[in-house]
Amino acid sequence: MRELVLYLARSLVDQPDEVTVEETVGPEAIILELHVAPDDMGKVIGKQGRIAKAIRSVVKAATEKGGKPVFVEIQ
């Protein structure tokens, strides 16, 4: 999942070298923290959060059925 979020975010921003994804595995869920340059924050979030919702939807669809849920946080 980490690589998927990294690929999607790098495709959207002007500064792809600034994109990082930190993965935290908890007992009940996996949290992916997406970090981008401050200038690119709007491109990752989109108008009214549409792009952020789309990224989360793709990750949700790609997770294993019955596995731990994966949450994407944009920072």
N, C-alpha and C. Protein backbone atom coordinates (compact mmCIF):
# COMPACT_ATOMS: atom_id res chain seq x y z
N MET A 1 0.82 -1.20 0.00
CA MET A 1 0.00 0.00 0.00
C MET A 1 0.86 1.26 0.00
N ARG A 2 1.97 1.20 0.72
CA ARG A 2 2.86 2.35 0.81
C ARG A 2 3.30 2.80 -0.58
N GLU A 3 3.69 1.85 -1.41
CA GLU A 3 4.18 2.16 -2.75
C GLU A 3 3.06 2.75 -3.62
N LEU A 4 1.84 2.27 -3.43
CA LEU A 4 0.70 2.78 -4.19
C LEU A 4 0.44 4.25 -3.87
N VAL A 5 0.41 4.58 -2.59
CA VAL A 5 0.18 5.97 -2.18
C VAL A 5 1.33 6.86 -2.65
N LEU A 6 2.55 6.35 -2.54
CA LEU A 6 3.72 7.11 -2.99
C LEU A 6 3.64 7.40 -4.49
N TYR A 7 3.27 6.42 -5.28
CA TYR A 7 3.14 6.59 -6.72
C TYR A 7 2.05 7.61 -7.07
N LEU A 8 0.89 7.48 -6.43
CA LEU A 8 -0.22 8.40 -6.71
C LEU A 8 0.16 9.84 -6.35
N ALA A 9 0.77 10.03 -5.19
CA ALA A 9 1.11 11.38 -4.74
C ALA A 9 2.20 12.00 -5.62
N ARG A 10 3.20 11.21 -5.99
CA ARG A 10 4.27 11.74 -6.83
C ARG A 10 3.76 12.14 -8.21
N SER A 11 2.72 11.48 -8.67
CA SER A 11 2.13 11.81 -9.97
C SER A 11 1.39 13.14 -9.95
N LEU A 12 0.96 13.56 -8.77
CA LEU A 12 0.13 14.76 -8.66
C LEU A 12 0.92 16.05 -8.40
N VAL A 13 2.08 15.96 -7.77
CA VAL A 13 2.77 17.15 -7.26
C VAL A 13 3.83 17.67 -8.22
N ASP A 14 4.28 18.90 -7.96
CA ASP A 14 5.36 19.52 -8.73
C ASP A 14 6.73 19.12 -8.20
N GLN A 15 6.80 18.77 -6.93
CA GLN A 15 8.07 18.41 -6.30
C GLN A 15 8.00 16.96 -5.81
N PRO A 16 8.14 15.99 -6.71
CA PRO A 16 7.98 14.58 -6.31
C PRO A 16 9.06 14.07 -5.35
N ASP A 17 10.22 14.74 -5.32
CA ASP A 17 11.28 14.31 -4.40
C ASP A 17 10.94 14.61 -2.95
N GLU A 18 10.00 15.52 -2.72
CA GLU A 18 9.60 15.90 -1.36
C GLU A 18 8.54 14.97 -0.77
N VAL A 19 8.02 14.05 -1.55
CA VAL A 19 6.93 13.18 -1.10
C VAL A 19 7.50 12.00 -0.32
N THR A 20 6.97 11.80 0.89
CA THR A 20 7.34 10.63 1.69
C THR A 20 6.07 10.03 2.28
N VAL A 21 6.13 8.72 2.54
CA VAL A 21 5.02 8.01 3.16
C VAL A 21 5.58 7.19 4.32
N GLU A 22 5.05 7.44 5.51
CA GLU A 22 5.44 6.68 6.69
C GLU A 22 4.32 5.71 7.04
N GLU A 23 4.70 4.46 7.27
CA GLU A 23 3.72 3.42 7.57
C GLU A 23 3.81 3.04 9.04
N THR A 24 2.67 3.07 9.71
CA THR A 24 2.59 2.68 11.11
C THR A 24 1.60 1.52 11.21
N VAL A 25 2.10 0.38 11.68
CA VAL A 25 1.24 -0.79 11.82
C VAL A 25 0.81 -0.91 13.27
N GLY A 26 -0.48 -0.81 13.47
CA GLY A 26 -1.04 -0.93 14.81
C GLY A 26 -1.71 -2.28 14.98
N PRO A 27 -2.25 -2.54 16.16
CA PRO A 27 -2.90 -3.84 16.40
C PRO A 27 -4.18 -4.04 15.60
N GLU A 28 -4.86 -2.94 15.24
CA GLU A 28 -6.14 -3.07 14.54
C GLU A 28 -6.16 -2.43 13.16
N ALA A 29 -5.16 -1.59 12.83
CA ALA A 29 -5.18 -0.89 11.55
C ALA A 29 -3.77 -0.50 11.13
N ILE A 30 -3.65 -0.13 9.87
CA ILE A 30 -2.40 0.38 9.32
C ILE A 30 -2.64 1.84 8.94
N ILE A 31 -1.74 2.72 9.37
CA ILE A 31 -1.88 4.14 9.09
C ILE A 31 -0.73 4.56 8.17
N LEU A 32 -1.08 5.18 7.06
CA LEU A 32 -0.10 5.71 6.12
C LEU A 32 -0.12 7.22 6.20
N GLU A 33 0.99 7.82 6.61
CA GLU A 33 1.08 9.27 6.71
C GLU A 33 1.79 9.80 5.48
N LEU A 34 1.08 10.59 4.69
CA LEU A 34 1.61 11.16 3.45
C LEU A 34 2.11 12.56 3.74
N HIS A 35 3.38 12.81 3.46
CA HIS A 35 3.98 14.13 3.65
C HIS A 35 4.38 14.67 2.29
N VAL A 36 3.96 15.90 2.00
CA VAL A 36 4.31 16.57 0.75
C VAL A 36 4.82 17.98 1.08
N ALA A 37 5.42 18.63 0.08
CA ALA A 37 5.88 20.00 0.25
C ALA A 37 4.67 20.90 0.50
N PRO A 38 4.86 21.96 1.29
CA PRO A 38 3.73 22.86 1.59
C PRO A 38 3.06 23.43 0.34
N ASP A 39 3.85 23.70 -0.71
CA ASP A 39 3.28 24.25 -1.94
C ASP A 39 2.40 23.25 -2.68
N ASP A 40 2.64 21.96 -2.46
CA ASP A 40 1.90 20.91 -3.16
C ASP A 40 0.70 20.38 -2.37
N MET A 41 0.48 20.89 -1.18
CA MET A 41 -0.59 20.38 -0.33
C MET A 41 -1.96 20.51 -1.01
N GLY A 42 -2.21 21.61 -1.66
CA GLY A 42 -3.49 21.82 -2.33
C GLY A 42 -3.72 20.86 -3.48
N LYS A 43 -2.65 20.46 -4.16
CA LYS A 43 -2.78 19.54 -5.28
C LYS A 43 -3.12 18.14 -4.81
N VAL A 44 -2.66 17.77 -3.63
CA VAL A 44 -2.95 16.44 -3.10
C VAL A 44 -4.34 16.39 -2.49
N ILE A 45 -4.78 17.50 -1.90
CA ILE A 45 -6.10 17.53 -1.28
C ILE A 45 -7.19 17.78 -2.31
N GLY A 46 -6.97 18.73 -3.22
CA GLY A 46 -7.96 19.03 -4.26
C GLY A 46 -9.09 19.90 -3.74
N LYS A 47 -9.92 20.32 -4.67
CA LYS A 47 -11.08 21.14 -4.30
C LYS A 47 -12.04 20.31 -3.47
N GLN A 48 -12.40 20.85 -2.32
CA GLN A 48 -13.31 20.20 -1.38
C GLN A 48 -12.86 18.79 -1.01
N GLY A 49 -11.56 18.52 -1.10
CA GLY A 49 -11.01 17.24 -0.67
C GLY A 49 -11.27 16.08 -1.63
N ARG A 50 -11.60 16.39 -2.86
CA ARG A 50 -11.96 15.32 -3.81
C ARG A 50 -10.80 14.40 -4.13
N ILE A 51 -9.61 14.95 -4.33
CA ILE A 51 -8.46 14.10 -4.66
C ILE A 51 -8.06 13.26 -3.46
N ALA A 52 -8.10 13.85 -2.26
CA ALA A 52 -7.79 13.08 -1.05
C ALA A 52 -8.78 11.93 -0.87
N LYS A 53 -10.05 12.18 -1.13
CA LYS A 53 -11.06 11.13 -1.04
C LYS A 53 -10.81 10.04 -2.07
N ALA A 54 -10.37 10.44 -3.27
CA ALA A 54 -10.09 9.47 -4.33
C ALA A 54 -8.91 8.59 -3.95
N ILE A 55 -7.87 9.19 -3.37
CA ILE A 55 -6.71 8.40 -2.93
C ILE A 55 -7.14 7.40 -1.87
N ARG A 56 -7.93 7.85 -0.92
CA ARG A 56 -8.41 6.95 0.13
C ARG A 56 -9.29 5.84 -0.42
N SER A 57 -10.09 6.14 -1.43
CA SER A 57 -10.95 5.13 -2.04
C SER A 57 -10.14 4.07 -2.76
N VAL A 58 -9.09 4.49 -3.47
CA VAL A 58 -8.22 3.54 -4.17
C VAL A 58 -7.52 2.62 -3.17
N VAL A 59 -7.03 3.19 -2.08
CA VAL A 59 -6.36 2.39 -1.05
C VAL A 59 -7.33 1.42 -0.40
N LYS A 60 -8.54 1.88 -0.13
CA LYS A 60 -9.55 1.01 0.47
C LYS A 60 -9.90 -0.15 -0.46
N ALA A 61 -10.01 0.13 -1.74
CA ALA A 61 -10.33 -0.92 -2.71
C ALA A 61 -9.18 -1.91 -2.87
N ALA A 62 -7.95 -1.46 -2.66
CA ALA A 62 -6.79 -2.32 -2.85
C ALA A 62 -6.44 -3.14 -1.61
N THR A 63 -7.05 -2.86 -0.48
CA THR A 63 -6.73 -3.62 0.73
C THR A 63 -7.32 -5.02 0.64
N GLU A 64 -6.68 -5.91 1.35
CA GLU A 64 -7.15 -7.30 1.37
C GLU A 64 -8.48 -7.40 2.11
N LYS A 65 -9.33 -8.24 1.60
CA LYS A 65 -10.61 -8.44 2.26
C LYS A 65 -10.36 -9.23 3.55
N GLY A 66 -10.89 -8.73 4.64
CA GLY A 66 -10.71 -9.39 5.92
C GLY A 66 -9.42 -9.03 6.62
N GLY A 67 -8.56 -8.23 5.97
CA GLY A 67 -7.30 -7.80 6.58
C GLY A 67 -7.50 -6.55 7.41
N LYS A 68 -6.39 -6.01 7.87
CA LYS A 68 -6.45 -4.77 8.65
C LYS A 68 -6.85 -3.61 7.74
N PRO A 69 -7.68 -2.71 8.22
CA PRO A 69 -8.03 -1.55 7.42
C PRO A 69 -6.82 -0.60 7.32
N VAL A 70 -6.72 0.12 6.22
CA VAL A 70 -5.63 1.04 5.97
C VAL A 70 -6.20 2.44 5.89
N PHE A 71 -5.63 3.36 6.67
CA PHE A 71 -6.06 4.75 6.69
C PHE A 71 -4.95 5.63 6.16
N VAL A 72 -5.30 6.63 5.35
CA VAL A 72 -4.34 7.57 4.78
C VAL A 72 -4.54 8.93 5.43
N GLU A 73 -3.47 9.45 6.02
CA GLU A 73 -3.48 10.79 6.62
C GLU A 73 -2.55 11.67 5.81
N ILE A 74 -3.02 12.84 5.42
CA ILE A 74 -2.21 13.76 4.63
C ILE A 74 -1.72 14.87 5.54
N GLN A 75 -0.40 15.04 5.56
CA GLN A 75 0.19 16.05 6.43
C GLN A 75 1.17 16.90 5.67
